[in-house]
């Protein structure tokens, strides 16, 4: 599905913009999948994995950055 590949590339670019902020706190993020129903699955790692604020980071930081770049995305979840 070529359209999904283009969306995945745009999501990856959005993640590249937020990655330095996560890395500055000792964490990181990886794109796991973009599903056909336009759900983005990511994995937080390093200091972000298991952090009490990880869901806030995911929703307020990562999800908002992705939605700004790729408004077609429905939601972002932790894998």
PDB file of N, CA and C in Angstrom:
ATOM      1  N   UNK A   1       0.833  -1.172   0.000  1.00  0.00           N
ATOM      2  CA  UNK A   1       0.000   0.000   0.000  1.00  0.00           C
ATOM      3  C   UNK A   1       0.887   1.248   0.000  1.00  0.00           C
ATOM      4  N   UNK A   2       1.009   1.862  -1.154  1.00  0.00           N
ATOM      5  CA  UNK A   2       1.929   2.985  -1.339  1.00  0.00           C
ATOM      6  C   UNK A   2       1.564   4.192  -0.478  1.00  0.00           C
ATOM      7  N   UNK A   3       0.274   4.467  -0.335  1.00  0.00           N
ATOM      8  CA  UNK A   3      -0.163   5.607   0.484  1.00  0.00           C
ATOM      9  C   UNK A   3       0.269   5.438   1.935  1.00  0.00           C
ATOM     10  N   UNK A   4       0.167   4.230   2.451  1.00  0.00           N
ATOM     11  CA  UNK A   4       0.581   3.953   3.828  1.00  0.00           C
ATOM     12  C   UNK A   4       2.092   4.154   3.990  1.00  0.00           C
ATOM     13  N   UNK A   5       2.845   3.805   2.962  1.00  0.00           N
ATOM     14  CA  UNK A   5       4.296   4.010   2.995  1.00  0.00           C
ATOM     15  C   UNK A   5       4.620   5.494   3.066  1.00  0.00           C
ATOM     16  N   UNK A   6       3.905   6.317   2.305  1.00  0.00           N
ATOM     17  CA  UNK A   6       4.118   7.764   2.336  1.00  0.00           C
ATOM     18  C   UNK A   6       3.763   8.332   3.703  1.00  0.00           C
ATOM     19  N   UNK A   7       2.672   7.854   4.283  1.00  0.00           N
ATOM     20  CA  UNK A   7       2.273   8.314   5.613  1.00  0.00           C
ATOM     21  C   UNK A   7       3.323   7.912   6.638  1.00  0.00           C
ATOM     22  N   UNK A   8       3.813   6.670   6.541  1.00  0.00           N
ATOM     23  CA  UNK A   8       4.848   6.197   7.461  1.00  0.00           C
ATOM     24  C   UNK A   8       6.101   7.078   7.379  1.00  0.00           C
ATOM     25  N   UNK A   9       6.485   7.470   6.171  1.00  0.00           N
ATOM     26  CA  UNK A   9       7.648   8.344   5.995  1.00  0.00           C
ATOM     27  C   UNK A   9       7.418   9.705   6.663  1.00  0.00           C
ATOM     28  N   UNK A  10       6.221  10.236   6.534  1.00  0.00           N
ATOM     29  CA  UNK A  10       5.892  11.525   7.154  1.00  0.00           C
ATOM     30  C   UNK A  10       5.883  11.413   8.675  1.00  0.00           C
ATOM     31  N   UNK A  11       5.388  10.292   9.185  1.00  0.00           N
ATOM     32  CA  UNK A  11       5.399  10.062  10.640  1.00  0.00           C
ATOM     33  C   UNK A  11       6.842   9.989  11.135  1.00  0.00           C
ATOM     34  N   UNK A  12       7.683   9.292  10.406  1.00  0.00           N
ATOM     35  CA  UNK A  12       9.092   9.171  10.788  1.00  0.00           C
ATOM     36  C   UNK A  12       9.764  10.552  10.827  1.00  0.00           C
ATOM     37  N   UNK A  13       9.435  11.409   9.877  1.00  0.00           N
ATOM     38  CA  UNK A  13       9.995  12.772   9.880  1.00  0.00           C
ATOM     39  C   UNK A  13       9.531  13.545  11.104  1.00  0.00           C
ATOM     40  N   UNK A  14       8.280  13.375  11.487  1.00  0.00           N
ATOM     41  CA  UNK A  14       7.763  14.038  12.695  1.00  0.00           C
ATOM     42  C   UNK A  14       8.499  13.527  13.930  1.00  0.00           C
ATOM     43  N   UNK A  15       8.756  12.231  13.979  1.00  0.00           N
ATOM     44  CA  UNK A  15       9.482  11.661  15.114  1.00  0.00           C
ATOM     45  C   UNK A  15      10.912  12.193  15.174  1.00  0.00           C
ATOM     46  N   UNK A  16      11.511  12.439  14.017  1.00  0.00           N
ATOM     47  CA  UNK A  16      12.877  12.992  13.987  1.00  0.00           C
ATOM     48  C   UNK A  16      12.916  14.362  14.651  1.00  0.00           C
ATOM     49  N   UNK A  17      11.801  15.097  14.574  1.00  0.00           N
ATOM     50  CA  UNK A  17      11.747  16.422  15.193  1.00  0.00           C
ATOM     51  C   UNK A  17      11.636  16.341  16.722  1.00  0.00           C
ATOM     52  N   UNK A  18      10.966  15.325  17.253  1.00  0.00           N
ATOM     53  CA  UNK A  18      10.815  15.221  18.712  1.00  0.00           C
ATOM     54  C   UNK A  18      11.915  14.382  19.362  1.00  0.00           C
ATOM     55  N   UNK A  19      12.576  13.572  18.573  1.00  0.00           N
ATOM     56  CA  UNK A  19      13.608  12.674  19.122  1.00  0.00           C
ATOM     57  C   UNK A  19      14.682  13.414  19.930  1.00  0.00           C
ATOM     58  N   UNK A  20      15.210  14.562  19.467  1.00  0.00           N
ATOM     59  CA  UNK A  20      16.254  15.245  20.264  1.00  0.00           C
ATOM     60  C   UNK A  20      15.793  15.637  21.666  1.00  0.00           C
ATOM     61  N   UNK A  21      14.520  15.988  21.824  1.00  0.00           N
ATOM     62  CA  UNK A  21      14.009  16.347  23.145  1.00  0.00           C
ATOM     63  C   UNK A  21      13.984  15.129  24.057  1.00  0.00           C
ATOM     64  N   UNK A  22      13.573  13.989  23.506  1.00  0.00           N
ATOM     65  CA  UNK A  22      13.559  12.762  24.296  1.00  0.00           C
ATOM     66  C   UNK A  22      14.982  12.335  24.645  1.00  0.00           C
ATOM     67  N   UNK A  23      15.882  12.440  23.675  1.00  0.00           N
ATOM     68  CA  UNK A  23      17.266  12.023  23.907  1.00  0.00           C
ATOM     69  C   UNK A  23      17.960  12.915  24.928  1.00  0.00           C
ATOM     70  N   UNK A  24      17.563  14.191  24.987  1.00  0.00           N
ATOM     71  CA  UNK A  24      18.182  15.094  25.959  1.00  0.00           C
ATOM     72  C   UNK A  24      17.839  14.685  27.399  1.00  0.00           C
ATOM     73  N   UNK A  25      16.751  13.927  27.560  1.00  0.00           N
ATOM     74  CA  UNK A  25      16.372  13.397  28.871  1.00  0.00           C
ATOM     75  C   UNK A  25      16.776  11.936  29.046  1.00  0.00           C
ATOM     76  N   UNK A  26      17.585  11.414  28.129  1.00  0.00           N
ATOM     77  CA  UNK A  26      18.073  10.043  28.244  1.00  0.00           C
ATOM     78  C   UNK A  26      17.139   9.004  27.657  1.00  0.00           C
ATOM     79  N   UNK A  27      16.141   9.436  26.879  1.00  0.00           N
ATOM     80  CA  UNK A  27      15.194   8.502  26.269  1.00  0.00           C
ATOM     81  C   UNK A  27      15.299   8.481  24.760  1.00  0.00           C
ATOM     82  N   UNK A  28      14.401   7.757  24.144  1.00  0.00           N
ATOM     83  CA  UNK A  28      14.340   7.696  22.684  1.00  0.00           C
ATOM     84  C   UNK A  28      12.979   7.132  22.297  1.00  0.00           C
ATOM     85  N   UNK A  29      12.714   7.150  20.999  1.00  0.00           N
ATOM     86  CA  UNK A  29      11.446   6.643  20.491  1.00  0.00           C
ATOM     87  C   UNK A  29      11.695   5.943  19.173  1.00  0.00           C
ATOM     88  N   UNK A  30      10.961   4.865  18.940  1.00  0.00           N
ATOM     89  CA  UNK A  30      11.067   4.121  17.680  1.00  0.00           C
ATOM     90  C   UNK A  30       9.668   3.936  17.107  1.00  0.00           C
ATOM     91  N   UNK A  31       9.567   4.092  15.808  1.00  0.00           N
ATOM     92  CA  UNK A  31       8.313   3.819  15.107  1.00  0.00           C
ATOM     93  C   UNK A  31       8.218   2.316  14.893  1.00  0.00           C
ATOM     94  N   UNK A  32       7.152   1.717  15.393  1.00  0.00           N
ATOM     95  CA  UNK A  32       6.942   0.284  15.250  1.00  0.00           C
ATOM     96  C   UNK A  32       6.076  -0.012  14.031  1.00  0.00           C
ATOM     97  N   UNK A  33       4.969   0.732  13.894  1.00  0.00           N
ATOM     98  CA  UNK A  33       4.048   0.438  12.795  1.00  0.00           C
ATOM     99  C   UNK A  33       3.087   1.604  12.587  1.00  0.00           C
ATOM    100  N   UNK A  34       2.581   1.697  11.360  1.00  0.00           N
ATOM    101  CA  UNK A  34       1.427   2.533  11.047  1.00  0.00           C
ATOM    102  C   UNK A  34       0.406   1.564  10.462  1.00  0.00           C
ATOM    103  N   UNK A  35      -0.693   1.386  11.163  1.00  0.00           N
ATOM    104  CA  UNK A  35      -1.676   0.396  10.757  1.00  0.00           C
ATOM    105  C   UNK A  35      -2.596   0.948   9.665  1.00  0.00           C
ATOM    106  N   UNK A  36      -3.358   0.060   9.059  1.00  0.00           N
ATOM    107  CA  UNK A  36      -4.275   0.470   7.990  1.00  0.00           C
ATOM    108  C   UNK A  36      -5.376   1.390   8.490  1.00  0.00           C
ATOM    109  N   UNK A  37      -5.703   1.305   9.803  1.00  0.00           N
ATOM    110  CA  UNK A  37      -6.705   2.218  10.349  1.00  0.00           C
ATOM    111  C   UNK A  37      -6.065   3.522  10.853  1.00  0.00           C
ATOM    112  N   UNK A  38      -4.804   3.751  10.426  1.00  0.00           N
ATOM    113  CA  UNK A  38      -4.055   4.983  10.699  1.00  0.00           C
ATOM    114  C   UNK A  38      -3.777   5.211  12.177  1.00  0.00           C
ATOM    115  N   UNK A  39      -3.426   4.125  12.853  1.00  0.00           N
ATOM    116  CA  UNK A  39      -2.929   4.186  14.220  1.00  0.00           C
ATOM    117  C   UNK A  39      -1.412   4.051  14.160  1.00  0.00           C
ATOM    118  N   UNK A  40      -0.725   4.938  14.859  1.00  0.00           N
ATOM    119  CA  UNK A  40       0.732   4.881  14.917  1.00  0.00           C
ATOM    120  C   UNK A  40       1.125   4.148  16.194  1.00  0.00           C
ATOM    121  N   UNK A  41       1.990   3.144  16.052  1.00  0.00           N
ATOM    122  CA  UNK A  41       2.505   2.409  17.207  1.00  0.00           C
ATOM    123  C   UNK A  41       3.978   2.779  17.368  1.00  0.00           C
ATOM    124  N   UNK A  42       4.315   3.256  18.566  1.00  0.00           N
ATOM    125  CA  UNK A  42       5.690   3.640  18.859  1.00  0.00           C
ATOM    126  C   UNK A  42       6.158   2.937  20.124  1.00  0.00           C
ATOM    127  N   UNK A  43       7.460   2.899  20.300  1.00  0.00           N
ATOM    128  CA  UNK A  43       8.029   2.332  21.521  1.00  0.00           C
ATOM    129  C   UNK A  43       8.979   3.360  22.126  1.00  0.00           C
ATOM    130  N   UNK A  44       8.690   3.745  23.361  1.00  0.00           N
ATOM    131  CA  UNK A  44       9.590   4.619  24.103  1.00  0.00           C
ATOM    132  C   UNK A  44      10.667   3.746  24.738  1.00  0.00           C
ATOM    133  N   UNK A  45      11.894   4.254  24.770  1.00  0.00           N
ATOM    134  CA  UNK A  45      12.987   3.470  25.344  1.00  0.00           C
ATOM    135  C   UNK A  45      13.882   4.364  26.197  1.00  0.00           C
ATOM    136  N   UNK A  46      14.882   3.752  26.790  1.00  0.00           N
ATOM    137  CA  UNK A  46      15.793   4.487  27.662  1.00  0.00           C
ATOM    138  C   UNK A  46      15.065   5.004  28.880  1.00  0.00           C
ATOM    139  N   UNK A  47      15.359   6.242  29.260  1.00  0.00           N
ATOM    140  CA  UNK A  47      14.743   6.846  30.439  1.00  0.00           C
ATOM    141  C   UNK A  47      13.235   7.004  30.273  1.00  0.00           C
ATOM    142  N   UNK A  48      12.761   7.065  29.031  1.00  0.00           N
ATOM    143  CA  UNK A  48      11.322   7.240  28.783  1.00  0.00           C
ATOM    144  C   UNK A  48      10.530   5.964  29.076  1.00  0.00           C
ATOM    145  N   UNK A  49      11.166   4.813  28.928  1.00  0.00           N
ATOM    146  CA  UNK A  49      10.476   3.541  29.154  1.00  0.00           C
ATOM    147  C   UNK A  49      10.204   3.374  30.642  1.00  0.00           C
ATOM    148  N   UNK A  50       8.942   3.291  30.991  1.00  0.00           N
ATOM    149  CA  UNK A  50       8.568   3.098  32.381  1.00  0.00           C
ATOM    150  C   UNK A  50       8.531   4.372  33.211  1.00  0.00           C
ATOM    151  N   UNK A  51       8.845   5.500  32.605  1.00  0.00           N
ATOM    152  CA  UNK A  51       8.786   6.777  33.315  1.00  0.00           C
ATOM    153  C   UNK A  51       7.329   7.097  33.655  1.00  0.00           C
ATOM    154  N   UNK A  52       7.076   7.639  34.854  1.00  0.00           N
ATOM    155  CA  UNK A  52       5.693   7.959  35.223  1.00  0.00           C
ATOM    156  C   UNK A  52       5.044   8.987  34.285  1.00  0.00           C
ATOM    157  N   UNK A  53       5.861   9.757  33.586  1.00  0.00           N
ATOM    158  CA  UNK A  53       5.331  10.778  32.680  1.00  0.00           C
ATOM    159  C   UNK A  53       5.308  10.315  31.233  1.00  0.00           C
ATOM    160  N   UNK A  54       5.586   9.040  30.986  1.00  0.00           N
ATOM    161  CA  UNK A  54       5.695   8.568  29.599  1.00  0.00           C
ATOM    162  C   UNK A  54       4.387   8.715  28.821  1.00  0.00           C
ATOM    163  N   UNK A  55       3.237   8.485  29.466  1.00  0.00           N
ATOM    164  CA  UNK A  55       1.967   8.638  28.750  1.00  0.00           C
ATOM    165  C   UNK A  55       1.704  10.107  28.428  1.00  0.00           C
ATOM    166  N   UNK A  56       2.084  10.991  29.343  1.00  0.00           N
ATOM    167  CA  UNK A  56       1.937  12.421  29.082  1.00  0.00           C
ATOM    168  C   UNK A  56       2.852  12.835  27.932  1.00  0.00           C
ATOM    169  N   UNK A  57       4.074  12.342  27.930  1.00  0.00           N
ATOM    170  CA  UNK A  57       5.009  12.618  26.837  1.00  0.00           C
ATOM    171  C   UNK A  57       4.439  12.110  25.528  1.00  0.00           C
ATOM    172  N   UNK A  58       3.886  10.903  25.559  1.00  0.00           N
ATOM    173  CA  UNK A  58       3.339  10.298  24.351  1.00  0.00           C
ATOM    174  C   UNK A  58       2.178  11.121  23.808  1.00  0.00           C
ATOM    175  N   UNK A  59       1.238  11.502  24.656  1.00  0.00           N
ATOM    176  CA  UNK A  59       0.040  12.216  24.205  1.00  0.00           C
ATOM    177  C   UNK A  59       0.308  13.693  23.926  1.00  0.00           C
ATOM    178  N   UNK A  60       0.946  14.380  24.866  1.00  0.00           N
ATOM    179  CA  UNK A  60       1.115  15.829  24.741  1.00  0.00           C
ATOM    180  C   UNK A  60       2.265  16.200  23.808  1.00  0.00           C
ATOM    181  N   UNK A  61       3.277  15.360  23.751  1.00  0.00           N
ATOM    182  CA  UNK A  61       4.439  15.679  22.928  1.00  0.00           C
ATOM    183  C   UNK A  61       4.441  14.971  21.596  1.00  0.00           C
ATOM    184  N   UNK A  62       4.585  13.677  21.653  1.00  0.00           N
ATOM    185  CA  UNK A  62       4.744  12.875  20.440  1.00  0.00           C
ATOM    186  C   UNK A  62       3.490  12.896  19.572  1.00  0.00           C
ATOM    187  N   UNK A  63       2.324  12.613  20.168  1.00  0.00           N
ATOM    188  CA  UNK A  63       1.096  12.565  19.373  1.00  0.00           C
ATOM    189  C   UNK A  63       0.811  13.917  18.721  1.00  0.00           C
ATOM    190  N   UNK A  64       0.990  14.996  19.467  1.00  0.00           N
ATOM    191  CA  UNK A  64       0.719  16.319  18.902  1.00  0.00           C
ATOM    192  C   UNK A  64       1.676  16.642  17.760  1.00  0.00           C
ATOM    193  N   UNK A  65       2.937  16.277  17.890  1.00  0.00           N
ATOM    194  CA  UNK A  65       3.913  16.511  16.824  1.00  0.00           C
ATOM    195  C   UNK A  65       3.547  15.726  15.570  1.00  0.00           C
ATOM    196  N   UNK A  66       3.123  14.486  15.755  1.00  0.00           N
ATOM    197  CA  UNK A  66       2.736  13.662  14.607  1.00  0.00           C
ATOM    198  C   UNK A  66       1.481  14.218  13.952  1.00  0.00           C
ATOM    199  N   UNK A  67       0.490  14.599  14.748  1.00  0.00           N
ATOM    200  CA  UNK A  67      -0.767  15.109  14.182  1.00  0.00           C
ATOM    201  C   UNK A  67      -0.564  16.431  13.442  1.00  0.00           C
ATOM    202  N   UNK A  68       0.388  17.235  13.889  1.00  0.00           N
ATOM    203  CA  UNK A  68       0.693  18.480  13.157  1.00  0.00           C
ATOM    204  C   UNK A  68       1.218  18.166  11.762  1.00  0.00           C
ATOM    205  N   UNK A  69       2.064  17.154  11.666  1.00  0.00           N
ATOM    206  CA  UNK A  69       2.687  16.793  10.389  1.00  0.00           C
ATOM    207  C   UNK A  69       1.807  15.892   9.531  1.00  0.00           C
ATOM    208  N   UNK A  70       1.048  15.009  10.192  1.00  0.00           N
ATOM    209  CA  UNK A  70       0.264  13.992   9.483  1.00  0.00           C
ATOM    210  C   UNK A  70      -1.151  13.971  10.074  1.00  0.00           C
ATOM    211  N   UNK A  71      -1.987  14.960   9.697  1.00  0.00           N
ATOM    212  CA  UNK A  71      -3.310  15.073  10.320  1.00  0.00           C
ATOM    213  C   UNK A  71      -4.250  13.896  10.063  1.00  0.00           C
ATOM    214  N   UNK A  72      -3.923  13.050   9.093  1.00  0.00           N
ATOM    215  CA  UNK A  72      -4.770  11.875   8.834  1.00  0.00           C
ATOM    216  C   UNK A  72      -4.688  10.812   9.923  1.00  0.00           C
ATOM    217  N   UNK A  73      -3.619  10.848  10.709  1.00  0.00           N
ATOM    218  CA  UNK A  73      -3.436   9.853  11.766  1.00  0.00           C
ATOM    219  C   UNK A  73      -4.561   9.976  12.780  1.00  0.00           C
ATOM    220  N   UNK A  74      -5.097   8.822  13.201  1.00  0.00           N
ATOM    221  CA  UNK A  74      -6.210   8.781  14.160  1.00  0.00           C
ATOM    222  C   UNK A  74      -5.740   8.820  15.599  1.00  0.00           C
ATOM    223  N   UNK A  75      -4.678   8.045  15.912  1.00  0.00           N
ATOM    224  CA  UNK A  75      -4.167   8.027  17.275  1.00  0.00           C
ATOM    225  C   UNK A  75      -2.748   7.479  17.305  1.00  0.00           C
ATOM    226  N   UNK A  76      -2.095   7.734  18.423  1.00  0.00           N
ATOM    227  CA  UNK A  76      -0.730   7.237  18.655  1.00  0.00           C
ATOM    228  C   UNK A  76      -0.774   6.420  19.938  1.00  0.00           C
ATOM    229  N   UNK A  77      -0.254   5.201  19.867  1.00  0.00           N
ATOM    230  CA  UNK A  77      -0.260   4.305  21.021  1.00  0.00           C
ATOM    231  C   UNK A  77       1.139   3.762  21.267  1.00  0.00           C
ATOM    232  N   UNK A  78       1.369   3.377  22.508  1.00  0.00           N
ATOM    233  CA  UNK A  78       2.629   2.752  22.889  1.00  0.00           C
ATOM    234  C   UNK A  78       2.547   1.263  22.614  1.00  0.00           C
ATOM    235  N   UNK A  79       3.537   0.733  21.937  1.00  0.00           N
ATOM    236  CA  UNK A  79       3.543  -0.695  21.589  1.00  0.00           C
ATOM    237  C   UNK A  79       4.318  -1.493  22.608  1.00  0.00           C
TER     238      UNK A  79
END
